[in-house]
Amino acid sequence: MTLIIYILTPEETKTRIENENAILIDIRDVRELWREGTIENCKHIPRGMLEFWVDPESPYSKNEIPVDKNLILFCAQGMRSALATRSLKEMGFPKVSHVRGGFGALKEKGFKVVEVKKK
């Protein structure tokens, strides 16, 4: 089975969020968020918990992400999010893509960064 992984530029990401109501998901570790902040209005699902949180059959399921929703993942530079995108595609999420260049590219292109405080 061949999976197509869509890689978006920050500009394409912005368009999908505005026009398609896509959900932007930061999959970086919480310590990265504390250190660098995150993109305003995105969801945070740590990479290590992603499959558990989105799988409705998992005891750890958060039931926050509908399978048919347009999802855009990002990490620091795009490597982890590429692998996570593939994983979600394999789990049956048809509308998942990731951002080329990750958080750094989004920040560079003017996405608003907000502080994340330790809890």
PDB file of N, CA and C in Angstrom:
ATOM      1  N   MET A   1       0.847  -1.190   0.000  1.00  0.00           N
ATOM      2  CA  MET A   1       0.000   0.000   0.000  1.00  0.00           C
ATOM      3  C   MET A   1       0.886   1.244   0.000  1.00  0.00           C
ATOM      4  N   THR A   2       0.641   2.125  -0.934  1.00  0.00           N
ATOM      5  CA  THR A   2       1.403   3.358  -1.025  1.00  0.00           C
ATOM      6  C   THR A   2       0.648   4.475  -0.316  1.00  0.00           C
ATOM      7  N   LEU A   3       1.333   5.133   0.594  1.00  0.00           N
ATOM      8  CA  LEU A   3       0.742   6.270   1.295  1.00  0.00           C
ATOM      9  C   LEU A   3       1.316   7.550   0.725  1.00  0.00           C
ATOM     10  N   ILE A   4       0.471   8.519   0.492  1.00  0.00           N
ATOM     11  CA  ILE A   4       0.932   9.824   0.036  1.00  0.00           C
ATOM     12  C   ILE A   4       0.982  10.741   1.246  1.00  0.00           C
ATOM     13  N   ILE A   5       2.170  11.284   1.510  1.00  0.00           N
ATOM     14  CA  ILE A   5       2.364  12.205   2.629  1.00  0.00           C
ATOM     15  C   ILE A   5       2.420  13.618   2.065  1.00  0.00           C
ATOM     16  N   TYR A   6       1.486  14.447   2.456  1.00  0.00           N
ATOM     17  CA  TYR A   6       1.460  15.826   1.987  1.00  0.00           C
ATOM     18  C   TYR A   6       2.316  16.698   2.889  1.00  0.00           C
ATOM     19  N   ILE A   7       3.217  17.433   2.251  1.00  0.00           N
ATOM     20  CA  ILE A   7       4.121  18.335   2.956  1.00  0.00           C
ATOM     21  C   ILE A   7       3.710  19.755   2.588  1.00  0.00           C
ATOM     22  N   LEU A   8       3.369  20.547   3.589  1.00  0.00           N
ATOM     23  CA  LEU A   8       2.883  21.902   3.353  1.00  0.00           C
ATOM     24  C   LEU A   8       3.935  22.946   3.693  1.00  0.00           C
ATOM     25  N   THR A   9       3.915  24.032   2.953  1.00  0.00           N
ATOM     26  CA  THR A   9       4.712  25.199   3.318  1.00  0.00           C
ATOM     27  C   THR A   9       3.945  25.941   4.414  1.00  0.00           C
ATOM     28  N   PRO A  10       4.595  26.853   5.117  1.00  0.00           N
ATOM     29  CA  PRO A  10       3.849  27.659   6.091  1.00  0.00           C
ATOM     30  C   PRO A  10       2.689  28.429   5.441  1.00  0.00           C
ATOM     31  N   GLU A  11       2.890  28.901   4.214  1.00  0.00           N
ATOM     32  CA  GLU A  11       1.827  29.635   3.520  1.00  0.00           C
ATOM     33  C   GLU A  11       0.629  28.730   3.237  1.00  0.00           C
ATOM     34  N   GLU A  12       0.892  27.515   2.774  1.00  0.00           N
ATOM     35  CA  GLU A  12      -0.191  26.554   2.528  1.00  0.00           C
ATOM     36  C   GLU A  12      -0.887  26.178   3.835  1.00  0.00           C
ATOM     37  N   THR A  13      -0.110  26.096   4.895  1.00  0.00           N
ATOM     38  CA  THR A  13      -0.669  25.797   6.213  1.00  0.00           C
ATOM     39  C   THR A  13      -1.656  26.877   6.619  1.00  0.00           C
ATOM     40  N   LYS A  14      -1.255  28.129   6.461  1.00  0.00           N
ATOM     41  CA  LYS A  14      -2.124  29.255   6.819  1.00  0.00           C
ATOM     42  C   LYS A  14      -3.424  29.203   6.015  1.00  0.00           C
ATOM     43  N   THR A  15      -3.320  28.943   4.729  1.00  0.00           N
ATOM     44  CA  THR A  15      -4.500  28.866   3.865  1.00  0.00           C
ATOM     45  C   THR A  15      -5.444  27.752   4.312  1.00  0.00           C
ATOM     46  N   ARG A  16      -4.902  26.596   4.641  1.00  0.00           N
ATOM     47  CA  ARG A  16      -5.755  25.479   5.077  1.00  0.00           C
ATOM     48  C   ARG A  16      -6.431  25.770   6.412  1.00  0.00           C
ATOM     49  N   ILE A  17      -5.731  26.435   7.297  1.00  0.00           N
ATOM     50  CA  ILE A  17      -6.338  26.787   8.583  1.00  0.00           C
ATOM     51  C   ILE A  17      -7.480  27.771   8.363  1.00  0.00           C
ATOM     52  N   GLU A  18      -7.245  28.776   7.529  1.00  0.00           N
ATOM     53  CA  GLU A  18      -8.257  29.812   7.294  1.00  0.00           C
ATOM     54  C   GLU A  18      -9.432  29.320   6.453  1.00  0.00           C
ATOM     55  N   ASN A  19      -9.164  28.544   5.412  1.00  0.00           N
ATOM     56  CA  ASN A  19     -10.210  28.164   4.459  1.00  0.00           C
ATOM     57  C   ASN A  19     -10.838  26.797   4.705  1.00  0.00           C
ATOM     58  N   GLU A  20     -10.114  25.909   5.360  1.00  0.00           N
ATOM     59  CA  GLU A  20     -10.610  24.546   5.536  1.00  0.00           C
ATOM     60  C   GLU A  20     -10.787  24.181   7.006  1.00  0.00           C
ATOM     61  N   ASN A  21     -10.605  25.160   7.886  1.00  0.00           N
ATOM     62  CA  ASN A  21     -10.757  24.927   9.327  1.00  0.00           C
ATOM     63  C   ASN A  21      -9.875  23.772   9.816  1.00  0.00           C
ATOM     64  N   ALA A  22      -8.670  23.690   9.248  1.00  0.00           N
ATOM     65  CA  ALA A  22      -7.732  22.632   9.637  1.00  0.00           C
ATOM     66  C   ALA A  22      -7.273  22.835  11.076  1.00  0.00           C
ATOM     67  N   ILE A  23      -6.911  21.735  11.717  1.00  0.00           N
ATOM     68  CA  ILE A  23      -6.397  21.769  13.088  1.00  0.00           C
ATOM     69  C   ILE A  23      -4.880  21.640  13.029  1.00  0.00           C
ATOM     70  N   LEU A  24      -4.189  22.622  13.587  1.00  0.00           N
ATOM     71  CA  LEU A  24      -2.731  22.606  13.657  1.00  0.00           C
ATOM     72  C   LEU A  24      -2.328  21.930  14.964  1.00  0.00           C
ATOM     73  N   ILE A  25      -1.455  20.926  14.874  1.00  0.00           N
ATOM     74  CA  ILE A  25      -1.071  20.137  16.048  1.00  0.00           C
ATOM     75  C   ILE A  25       0.444  20.152  16.228  1.00  0.00           C
ATOM     76  N   ASP A  26       0.877  20.635  17.386  1.00  0.00           N
ATOM     77  CA  ASP A  26       2.290  20.654  17.767  1.00  0.00           C
ATOM     78  C   ASP A  26       2.597  19.326  18.452  1.00  0.00           C
ATOM     79  N   ILE A  27       3.504  18.540  17.869  1.00  0.00           N
ATOM     80  CA  ILE A  27       3.813  17.230  18.454  1.00  0.00           C
ATOM     81  C   ILE A  27       5.141  17.235  19.215  1.00  0.00           C
ATOM     82  N   ARG A  28       5.711  18.404  19.426  1.00  0.00           N
ATOM     83  CA  ARG A  28       6.984  18.472  20.153  1.00  0.00           C
ATOM     84  C   ARG A  28       6.792  18.110  21.626  1.00  0.00           C
ATOM     85  N   ASP A  29       7.882  17.765  22.260  1.00  0.00           N
ATOM     86  CA  ASP A  29       7.883  17.472  23.687  1.00  0.00           C
ATOM     87  C   ASP A  29       7.520  18.733  24.469  1.00  0.00           C
ATOM     88  N   VAL A  30       6.850  18.577  25.576  1.00  0.00           N
ATOM     89  CA  VAL A  30       6.409  19.723  26.373  1.00  0.00           C
ATOM     90  C   VAL A  30       7.586  20.606  26.791  1.00  0.00           C
ATOM     91  N   ARG A  31       8.755  20.007  26.998  1.00  0.00           N
ATOM     92  CA  ARG A  31       9.929  20.817  27.377  1.00  0.00           C
ATOM     93  C   ARG A  31      10.350  21.752  26.256  1.00  0.00           C
ATOM     94  N   GLU A  32      10.129  21.343  25.009  1.00  0.00           N
ATOM     95  CA  GLU A  32      10.408  22.229  23.876  1.00  0.00           C
ATOM     96  C   GLU A  32       9.435  23.407  23.884  1.00  0.00           C
ATOM     97  N   LEU A  33       8.193  23.143  24.227  1.00  0.00           N
ATOM     98  CA  LEU A  33       7.198  24.210  24.299  1.00  0.00           C
ATOM     99  C   LEU A  33       7.538  25.187  25.407  1.00  0.00           C
ATOM    100  N   TRP A  34       7.968  24.679  26.564  1.00  0.00           N
ATOM    101  CA  TRP A  34       8.347  25.563  27.669  1.00  0.00           C
ATOM    102  C   TRP A  34       9.508  26.467  27.256  1.00  0.00           C
ATOM    103  N   ARG A  35      10.441  25.898  26.528  1.00  0.00           N
ATOM    104  CA  ARG A  35      11.642  26.636  26.125  1.00  0.00           C
ATOM    105  C   ARG A  35      11.373  27.648  25.009  1.00  0.00           C
ATOM    106  N   GLU A  36      10.585  27.246  24.009  1.00  0.00           N
ATOM    107  CA  GLU A  36      10.458  28.038  22.785  1.00  0.00           C
ATOM    108  C   GLU A  36       9.068  28.606  22.530  1.00  0.00           C
ATOM    109  N   GLY A  37       8.073  28.149  23.284  1.00  0.00           N
ATOM    110  CA  GLY A  37       6.701  28.551  23.004  1.00  0.00           C
ATOM    111  C   GLY A  37       6.094  27.654  21.941  1.00  0.00           C
ATOM    112  N   THR A  38       4.888  28.009  21.533  1.00  0.00           N
ATOM    113  CA  THR A  38       4.203  27.255  20.483  1.00  0.00           C
ATOM    114  C   THR A  38       3.400  28.223  19.627  1.00  0.00           C
ATOM    115  N   ILE A  39       2.799  27.725  18.586  1.00  0.00           N
ATOM    116  CA  ILE A  39       1.996  28.553  17.687  1.00  0.00           C
ATOM    117  C   ILE A  39       0.616  28.775  18.312  1.00  0.00           C
ATOM    118  N   GLU A  40       0.182  30.022  18.275  1.00  0.00           N
ATOM    119  CA  GLU A  40      -1.110  30.388  18.851  1.00  0.00           C
ATOM    120  C   GLU A  40      -2.236  29.536  18.259  1.00  0.00           C
ATOM    121  N   ASN A  41      -3.137  29.101  19.117  1.00  0.00           N
ATOM    122  CA  ASN A  41      -4.346  28.344  18.766  1.00  0.00           C
ATOM    123  C   ASN A  41      -4.105  26.936  18.232  1.00  0.00           C
ATOM    124  N   CYS A  42      -2.900  26.413  18.381  1.00  0.00           N
ATOM    125  CA  CYS A  42      -2.695  25.024  17.953  1.00  0.00           C
ATOM    126  C   CYS A  42      -2.987  24.094  19.128  1.00  0.00           C
ATOM    127  N   LYS A  43      -3.177  22.828  18.815  1.00  0.00           N
ATOM    128  CA  LYS A  43      -3.326  21.813  19.858  1.00  0.00           C
ATOM    129  C   LYS A  43      -1.952  21.219  20.123  1.00  0.00           C
ATOM    130  N   HIS A  44      -1.742  20.724  21.328  1.00  0.00           N
ATOM    131  CA  HIS A  44      -0.492  20.029  21.643  1.00  0.00           C
ATOM    132  C   HIS A  44      -0.794  18.569  21.950  1.00  0.00           C
ATOM    133  N   ILE A  45      -0.193  17.698  21.160  1.00  0.00           N
ATOM    134  CA  ILE A  45      -0.249  16.260  21.417  1.00  0.00           C
ATOM    135  C   ILE A  45       1.186  15.763  21.288  1.00  0.00           C
ATOM    136  N   PRO A  46       1.835  15.419  22.397  1.00  0.00           N
ATOM    137  CA  PRO A  46       3.232  14.980  22.322  1.00  0.00           C
ATOM    138  C   PRO A  46       3.395  13.773  21.397  1.00  0.00           C
ATOM    139  N   ARG A  47       4.478  13.762  20.645  1.00  0.00           N
ATOM    140  CA  ARG A  47       4.724  12.683  19.682  1.00  0.00           C
ATOM    141  C   ARG A  47       4.596  11.302  20.325  1.00  0.00           C
ATOM    142  N   GLY A  48       5.106  11.142  21.515  1.00  0.00           N
ATOM    143  CA  GLY A  48       5.068   9.845  22.179  1.00  0.00           C
ATOM    144  C   GLY A  48       3.676   9.366  22.552  1.00  0.00           C
ATOM    145  N   MET A  49       2.704  10.266  22.559  1.00  0.00           N
ATOM    146  CA  MET A  49       1.332   9.906  22.940  1.00  0.00           C
ATOM    147  C   MET A  49       0.346  10.009  21.777  1.00  0.00           C
ATOM    148  N   LEU A  50       0.791  10.483  20.636  1.00  0.00           N
ATOM    149  CA  LEU A  50      -0.101  10.788  19.517  1.00  0.00           C
ATOM    150  C   LEU A  50      -1.044   9.637  19.164  1.00  0.00           C
ATOM    151  N   GLU A  51      -0.499   8.482  18.856  1.00  0.00           N
ATOM    152  CA  GLU A  51      -1.343   7.357  18.440  1.00  0.00           C
ATOM    153  C   GLU A  51      -2.301   6.927  19.545  1.00  0.00           C
ATOM    154  N   PHE A  52      -1.853   6.981  20.790  1.00  0.00           N
ATOM    155  CA  PHE A  52      -2.712   6.607  21.918  1.00  0.00           C
ATOM    156  C   PHE A  52      -3.870   7.592  22.093  1.00  0.00           C
ATOM    157  N   TRP A  53      -3.574   8.890  21.979  1.00  0.00           N
ATOM    158  CA  TRP A  53      -4.595   9.910  22.214  1.00  0.00           C
ATOM    159  C   TRP A  53      -5.640   9.972  21.108  1.00  0.00           C
ATOM    160  N   VAL A  54      -5.263   9.653  19.859  1.00  0.00           N
ATOM    161  CA  VAL A  54      -6.223   9.773  18.756  1.00  0.00           C
ATOM    162  C   VAL A  54      -6.975   8.477  18.460  1.00  0.00           C
ATOM    163  N   ASP A  55      -6.524   7.368  19.011  1.00  0.00           N
ATOM    164  CA  ASP A  55      -7.172   6.079  18.777  1.00  0.00           C
ATOM    165  C   ASP A  55      -8.358   5.921  19.726  1.00  0.00           C
ATOM    166  N   PRO A  56      -9.591   5.885  19.194  1.00  0.00           N
ATOM    167  CA  PRO A  56     -10.762   5.773  20.068  1.00  0.00           C
ATOM    168  C   PRO A  56     -10.797   4.470  20.872  1.00  0.00           C
ATOM    169  N   GLU A  57     -10.059   3.452  20.447  1.00  0.00           N
ATOM    170  CA  GLU A  57     -10.014   2.175  21.159  1.00  0.00           C
ATOM    171  C   GLU A  57      -8.979   2.161  22.284  1.00  0.00           C
ATOM    172  N   SER A  58      -8.127   3.163  22.326  1.00  0.00           N
ATOM    173  CA  SER A  58      -7.066   3.214  23.330  1.00  0.00           C
ATOM    174  C   SER A  58      -7.610   3.656  24.686  1.00  0.00           C
ATOM    175  N   PRO A  59      -7.118   3.077  25.777  1.00  0.00           N
ATOM    176  CA  PRO A  59      -7.543   3.546  27.102  1.00  0.00           C
ATOM    177  C   PRO A  59      -7.066   4.971  27.392  1.00  0.00           C
ATOM    178  N   TYR A  60      -6.128   5.466  26.583  1.00  0.00           N
ATOM    179  CA  TYR A  60      -5.603   6.827  26.757  1.00  0.00           C
ATOM    180  C   TYR A  60      -6.253   7.825  25.802  1.00  0.00           C
ATOM    181  N   SER A  61      -7.240   7.388  25.032  1.00  0.00           N
ATOM    182  CA  SER A  61      -7.873   8.230  24.022  1.00  0.00           C
ATOM    183  C   SER A  61      -8.422   9.511  24.628  1.00  0.00           C
ATOM    184  N   LYS A  62      -8.172  10.613  23.924  1.00  0.00           N
ATOM    185  CA  LYS A  62      -8.697  11.913  24.348  1.00  0.00           C
ATOM    186  C   LYS A  62      -9.967  12.275  23.570  1.00  0.00           C
ATOM    187  N   ASN A  63     -10.269  11.516  22.503  1.00  0.00           N
ATOM    188  CA  ASN A  63     -11.461  11.753  21.677  1.00  0.00           C
ATOM    189  C   ASN A  63     -11.610  13.208  21.248  1.00  0.00           C
ATOM    190  N   GLU A  64     -10.493  13.865  20.962  1.00  0.00           N
ATOM    191  CA  GLU A  64     -10.531  15.275  20.560  1.00  0.00           C
ATOM    192  C   GLU A  64     -10.388  15.467  19.059  1.00  0.00           C
ATOM    193  N   ILE A  65      -9.871  14.463  18.364  1.00  0.00           N
ATOM    194  CA  ILE A  65      -9.533  14.626  16.959  1.00  0.00           C
ATOM    195  C   ILE A  65     -10.381  13.690  16.098  1.00  0.00           C
ATOM    196  N   PRO A  66     -11.383  14.227  15.391  1.00  0.00           N
ATOM    197  CA  PRO A  66     -12.189  13.392  14.505  1.00  0.00           C
ATOM    198  C   PRO A  66     -11.353  12.876  13.324  1.00  0.00           C
ATOM    199  N   VAL A  67     -11.589  11.646  12.915  1.00  0.00           N
ATOM    200  CA  VAL A  67     -10.832  11.026  11.828  1.00  0.00           C
ATOM    201  C   VAL A  67     -10.960  11.809  10.527  1.00  0.00           C
ATOM    202  N   ASP A  68     -12.115  12.409  10.273  1.00  0.00           N
ATOM    203  CA  ASP A  68     -12.340  13.093   9.001  1.00  0.00           C
ATOM    204  C   ASP A  68     -11.876  14.550   8.993  1.00  0.00           C
ATOM    205  N   LYS A  69     -11.301  15.032  10.064  1.00  0.00           N
ATOM    206  CA  LYS A  69     -10.863  16.425  10.165  1.00  0.00           C
ATOM    207  C   LYS A  69      -9.527  16.610   9.447  1.00  0.00           C
ATOM    208  N   ASN A  70      -9.314  17.798   8.892  1.00  0.00           N
ATOM    209  CA  ASN A  70      -8.062  18.146   8.232  1.00  0.00           C
ATOM    210  C   ASN A  70      -7.035  18.476   9.314  1.00  0.00           C
ATOM    211  N   LEU A  71      -5.995  17.651   9.445  1.00  0.00           N
ATOM    212  CA  LEU A  71      -4.987  17.805  10.488  1.00  0.00           C
ATOM    213  C   LEU A  71      -3.652  18.206   9.875  1.00  0.00           C
ATOM    214  N   ILE A  72      -2.967  19.144  10.524  1.00  0.00           N
ATOM    215  CA  ILE A  72      -1.634  19.554  10.091  1.00  0.00           C
ATOM    216  C   ILE A  72      -0.701  19.440  11.288  1.00  0.00           C
ATOM    217  N   LEU A  73       0.278  18.549  11.178  1.00  0.00           N
ATOM    218  CA  LEU A  73       1.222  18.312  12.260  1.00  0.00           C
ATOM    219  C   LEU A  73       2.500  19.118  12.051  1.00  0.00           C
ATOM    220  N   PHE A  74       3.125  19.507  13.165  1.00  0.00           N
ATOM    221  CA  PHE A  74       4.465  20.084  13.066  1.00  0.00           C
ATOM    222  C   PHE A  74       5.279  19.716  14.287  1.00  0.00           C
ATOM    223  N   CYS A  75       6.587  19.673  14.086  1.00  0.00           N
ATOM    224  CA  CYS A  75       7.545  19.445  15.170  1.00  0.00           C
ATOM    225  C   CYS A  75       8.573  20.572  15.071  1.00  0.00           C
ATOM    226  N   ALA A  76       9.786  20.352  15.490  1.00  0.00           N
ATOM    227  CA  ALA A  76      10.793  21.414  15.443  1.00  0.00           C
ATOM    228  C   ALA A  76      11.219  21.728  14.011  1.00  0.00           C
ATOM    229  N   GLN A  77      11.543  20.685  13.232  1.00  0.00           N
ATOM    230  CA  GLN A  77      12.055  20.904  11.882  1.00  0.00           C
ATOM    231  C   GLN A  77      11.335  20.113  10.800  1.00  0.00           C
ATOM    232  N   GLY A  78      10.463  19.210  11.162  1.00  0.00           N
ATOM    233  CA  GLY A  78       9.695  18.470  10.174  1.00  0.00           C
ATOM    234  C   GLY A  78       9.969  16.980  10.098  1.00  0.00           C
ATOM    235  N   MET A  79      10.959  16.501  10.830  1.00  0.00           N
ATOM    236  CA  MET A  79      11.280  15.073  10.757  1.00  0.00           C
ATOM    237  C   MET A  79      10.275  14.215  11.543  1.00  0.00           C
ATOM    238  N   ARG A  80      10.058  14.555  12.800  1.00  0.00           N
ATOM    239  CA  ARG A  80       9.113  13.776  13.615  1.00  0.00           C
ATOM    240  C   ARG A  80       7.702  13.874  13.057  1.00  0.00           C
ATOM    241  N   SER A  81       7.340  15.053  12.576  1.00  0.00           N
ATOM    242  CA  SER A  81       5.977  15.215  12.057  1.00  0.00           C
ATOM    243  C   SER A  81       5.771  14.428  10.767  1.00  0.00           C
ATOM    244  N   ALA A  82       6.817  14.238   9.974  1.00  0.00           N
ATOM    245  CA  ALA A  82       6.692  13.410   8.766  1.00  0.00           C
ATOM    246  C   ALA A  82       6.365  11.971   9.153  1.00  0.00           C
ATOM    247  N   LEU A  83       7.080  11.450  10.133  1.00  0.00           N
ATOM    248  CA  LEU A  83       6.828  10.079  10.591  1.00  0.00           C
ATOM    249  C   LEU A  83       5.459   9.958  11.262  1.00  0.00           C
ATOM    250  N   ALA A  84       5.077  10.973  12.029  1.00  0.00           N
ATOM    251  CA  ALA A  84       3.775  10.964  12.698  1.00  0.00           C
ATOM    252  C   ALA A  84       2.642  11.035  11.676  1.00  0.00           C
ATOM    253  N   THR A  85       2.841  11.800  10.609  1.00  0.00           N
ATOM    254  CA  THR A  85       1.846  11.896   9.546  1.00  0.00           C
ATOM    255  C   THR A  85       1.628  10.526   8.913  1.00  0.00           C
ATOM    256  N   ARG A  86       2.714   9.849   8.637  1.00  0.00           N
ATOM    257  CA  ARG A  86       2.617   8.498   8.066  1.00  0.00           C
ATOM    258  C   ARG A  86       1.846   7.569   9.012  1.00  0.00           C
ATOM    259  N   SER A  87       2.161   7.639  10.279  1.00  0.00           N
ATOM    260  CA  SER A  87       1.507   6.787  11.270  1.00  0.00           C
ATOM    261  C   SER A  87      -0.002   7.033  11.307  1.00  0.00           C
ATOM    262  N   LEU A  88      -0.405   8.302  11.313  1.00  0.00           N
ATOM    263  CA  LEU A  88      -1.841   8.615  11.340  1.00  0.00           C
ATOM    264  C   LEU A  88      -2.526   8.180  10.048  1.00  0.00           C
ATOM    265  N   LYS A  89      -1.839   8.323   8.917  1.00  0.00           N
ATOM    266  CA  LYS A  89      -2.404   7.836   7.648  1.00  0.00           C
ATOM    267  C   LYS A  89      -2.661   6.330   7.747  1.00  0.00           C
ATOM    268  N   GLU A  90      -1.686   5.608   8.297  1.00  0.00           N
ATOM    269  CA  GLU A  90      -1.837   4.157   8.445  1.00  0.00           C
ATOM    270  C   GLU A  90      -2.978   3.801   9.395  1.00  0.00           C
ATOM    271  N   MET A  91      -3.283   4.692  10.334  1.00  0.00           N
ATOM    272  CA  MET A  91      -4.382   4.467  11.280  1.00  0.00           C
ATOM    273  C   MET A  91      -5.737   4.840  10.688  1.00  0.00           C
ATOM    274  N   GLY A  92      -5.748   5.390   9.468  1.00  0.00           N
ATOM    275  CA  GLY A  92      -7.011   5.711   8.814  1.00  0.00           C
ATOM    276  C   GLY A  92      -7.391   7.174   8.791  1.00  0.00           C
ATOM    277  N   PHE A  93      -6.474   8.064   9.136  1.00  0.00           N
ATOM    278  CA  PHE A  93      -6.736   9.500   9.054  1.00  0.00           C
ATOM    279  C   PHE A  93      -6.382   9.961   7.641  1.00  0.00           C
ATOM    280  N   PRO A  94      -7.382  10.225   6.788  1.00  0.00           N
ATOM    281  CA  PRO A  94      -7.089  10.533   5.388  1.00  0.00           C
ATOM    282  C   PRO A  94      -6.584  11.952   5.135  1.00  0.00           C
ATOM    283  N   LYS A  95      -6.905  12.885   6.006  1.00  0.00           N
ATOM    284  CA  LYS A  95      -6.602  14.300   5.759  1.00  0.00           C
ATOM    285  C   LYS A  95      -5.531  14.816   6.709  1.00  0.00           C
ATOM    286  N   VAL A  96      -4.397  14.142   6.743  1.00  0.00           N
ATOM    287  CA  VAL A  96      -3.317  14.574   7.627  1.00  0.00           C
ATOM    288  C   VAL A  96      -2.097  14.930   6.781  1.00  0.00           C
ATOM    289  N   SER A  97      -1.459  16.025   7.142  1.00  0.00           N
ATOM    290  CA  SER A  97      -0.259  16.487   6.450  1.00  0.00           C
ATOM    291  C   SER A  97       0.679  17.079   7.490  1.00  0.00           C
ATOM    292  N   HIS A  98       1.858  17.510   7.043  1.00  0.00           N
ATOM    293  CA  HIS A  98       2.773  18.132   7.997  1.00  0.00           C
ATOM    294  C   HIS A  98       3.484  19.314   7.356  1.00  0.00           C
ATOM    295  N   VAL A  99       4.085  20.145   8.204  1.00  0.00           N
ATOM    296  CA  VAL A  99       4.702  21.400   7.766  1.00  0.00           C
ATOM    297  C   VAL A  99       6.189  21.200   7.500  1.00  0.00           C
ATOM    298  N   ARG A 100       6.602  21.532   6.284  1.00  0.00           N
ATOM    299  CA  ARG A 100       8.027  21.512   5.940  1.00  0.00           C
ATOM    300  C   ARG A 100       8.743  22.579   6.774  1.00  0.00           C
ATOM    301  N   GLY A 101       9.770  22.171   7.484  1.00  0.00           N
ATOM    302  CA  GLY A 101      10.530  23.117   8.298  1.00  0.00           C
ATOM    303  C   GLY A 101       9.998  23.292   9.702  1.00  0.00           C
ATOM    304  N   GLY A 102       8.831  22.723   9.988  1.00  0.00           N
ATOM    305  CA  GLY A 102       8.281  22.710  11.337  1.00  0.00           C
ATOM    306  C   GLY A 102       8.102  24.062  12.005  1.00  0.00           C
ATOM    307  N   PHE A 103       8.269  24.049  13.322  1.00  0.00           N
ATOM    308  CA  PHE A 103       8.063  25.239  14.151  1.00  0.00           C
ATOM    309  C   PHE A 103       8.930  26.399  13.679  1.00  0.00           C
ATOM    310  N   GLY A 104      10.178  26.110  13.355  1.00  0.00           N
ATOM    311  CA  GLY A 104      11.087  27.167  12.909  1.00  0.00           C
ATOM    312  C   GLY A 104      10.569  27.886  11.677  1.00  0.00           C
ATOM    313  N   ALA A 105      10.056  27.144  10.713  1.00  0.00           N
ATOM    314  CA  ALA A 105       9.525  27.741   9.487  1.00  0.00           C
ATOM    315  C   ALA A 105       8.254  28.538   9.764  1.00  0.00           C
ATOM    316  N   LEU A 106       7.377  28.003  10.606  1.00  0.00           N
ATOM    317  CA  LEU A 106       6.147  28.722  10.943  1.00  0.00           C
ATOM    318  C   LEU A 106       6.476  30.043  11.636  1.00  0.00           C
ATOM    319  N   LYS A 107       7.396  29.992  12.573  1.00  0.00           N
ATOM    320  CA  LYS A 107       7.815  31.192  13.304  1.00  0.00           C
ATOM    321  C   LYS A 107       8.429  32.216  12.349  1.00  0.00           C
ATOM    322  N   GLU A 108       9.294  31.740  11.467  1.00  0.00           N
ATOM    323  CA  GLU A 108       9.959  32.619  10.501  1.00  0.00           C
ATOM    324  C   GLU A 108       8.963  33.302   9.570  1.00  0.00           C
ATOM    325  N   LYS A 109       7.877  32.618   9.246  1.00  0.00           N
ATOM    326  CA  LYS A 109       6.870  33.170   8.328  1.00  0.00           C
ATOM    327  C   LYS A 109       5.785  33.974   9.039  1.00  0.00           C
ATOM    328  N   GLY A 110       5.982  34.264  10.319  1.00  0.00           N
ATOM    329  CA  GLY A 110       5.090  35.184  11.004  1.00  0.00           C
ATOM    330  C   GLY A 110       3.946  34.591  11.789  1.00  0.00           C
ATOM    331  N   PHE A 111       3.891  33.279  11.933  1.00  0.00           N
ATOM    332  CA  PHE A 111       2.867  32.697  12.801  1.00  0.00           C
ATOM    333  C   PHE A 111       3.137  33.180  14.218  1.00  0.00           C
ATOM    334  N   LYS A 112       2.088  33.550  14.919  1.00  0.00           N
ATOM    335  CA  LYS A 112       2.252  34.087  16.270  1.00  0.00           C
ATOM    336  C   LYS A 112       2.664  32.986  17.243  1.00  0.00           C
ATOM    337  N   VAL A 113       3.751  33.255  17.971  1.00  0.00           N
ATOM    338  CA  VAL A 113       4.261  32.317  18.972  1.00  0.00           C
ATOM    339  C   VAL A 113       3.801  32.778  20.345  1.00  0.00           C
ATOM    340  N   VAL A 114       3.281  31.850  21.121  1.00  0.00           N
ATOM    341  CA  VAL A 114       2.828  32.161  22.478  1.00  0.00           C
ATOM    342  C   VAL A 114       3.642  31.350  23.482  1.00  0.00           C
ATOM    343  N   GLU A 115       3.789  31.912  24.656  1.00  0.00           N
ATOM    344  CA  GLU A 115       4.539  31.270  25.728  1.00  0.00           C
ATOM    345  C   GLU A 115       3.739  30.112  26.315  1.00  0.00           C
ATOM    346  N   VAL A 116       4.440  29.068  26.700  1.00  0.00           N
ATOM    347  CA  VAL A 116       3.824  27.935  27.389  1.00  0.00           C
ATOM    348  C   VAL A 116       4.490  27.836  28.748  1.00  0.00           C
ATOM    349  N   LYS A 117       3.698  27.997  29.791  1.00  0.00           N
ATOM    350  CA  LYS A 117       4.236  27.961  31.157  1.00  0.00           C
ATOM    351  C   LYS A 117       4.197  26.549  31.710  1.00  0.00           C
ATOM    352  N   LYS A 118       5.169  26.254  32.554  1.00  0.00           N
ATOM    353  CA  LYS A 118       5.183  24.961  33.233  1.00  0.00           C
ATOM    354  C   LYS A 118       3.987  24.880  34.167  1.00  0.00           C
ATOM    355  N   LYS A 119       3.392  23.696  34.250  1.00  0.00           N
ATOM    356  CA  LYS A 119       2.232  23.510  35.135  1.00  0.00           C
ATOM    357  C   LYS A 119       2.674  22.933  36.443  1.00  0.00           C
TER     358      LYS A 119
END
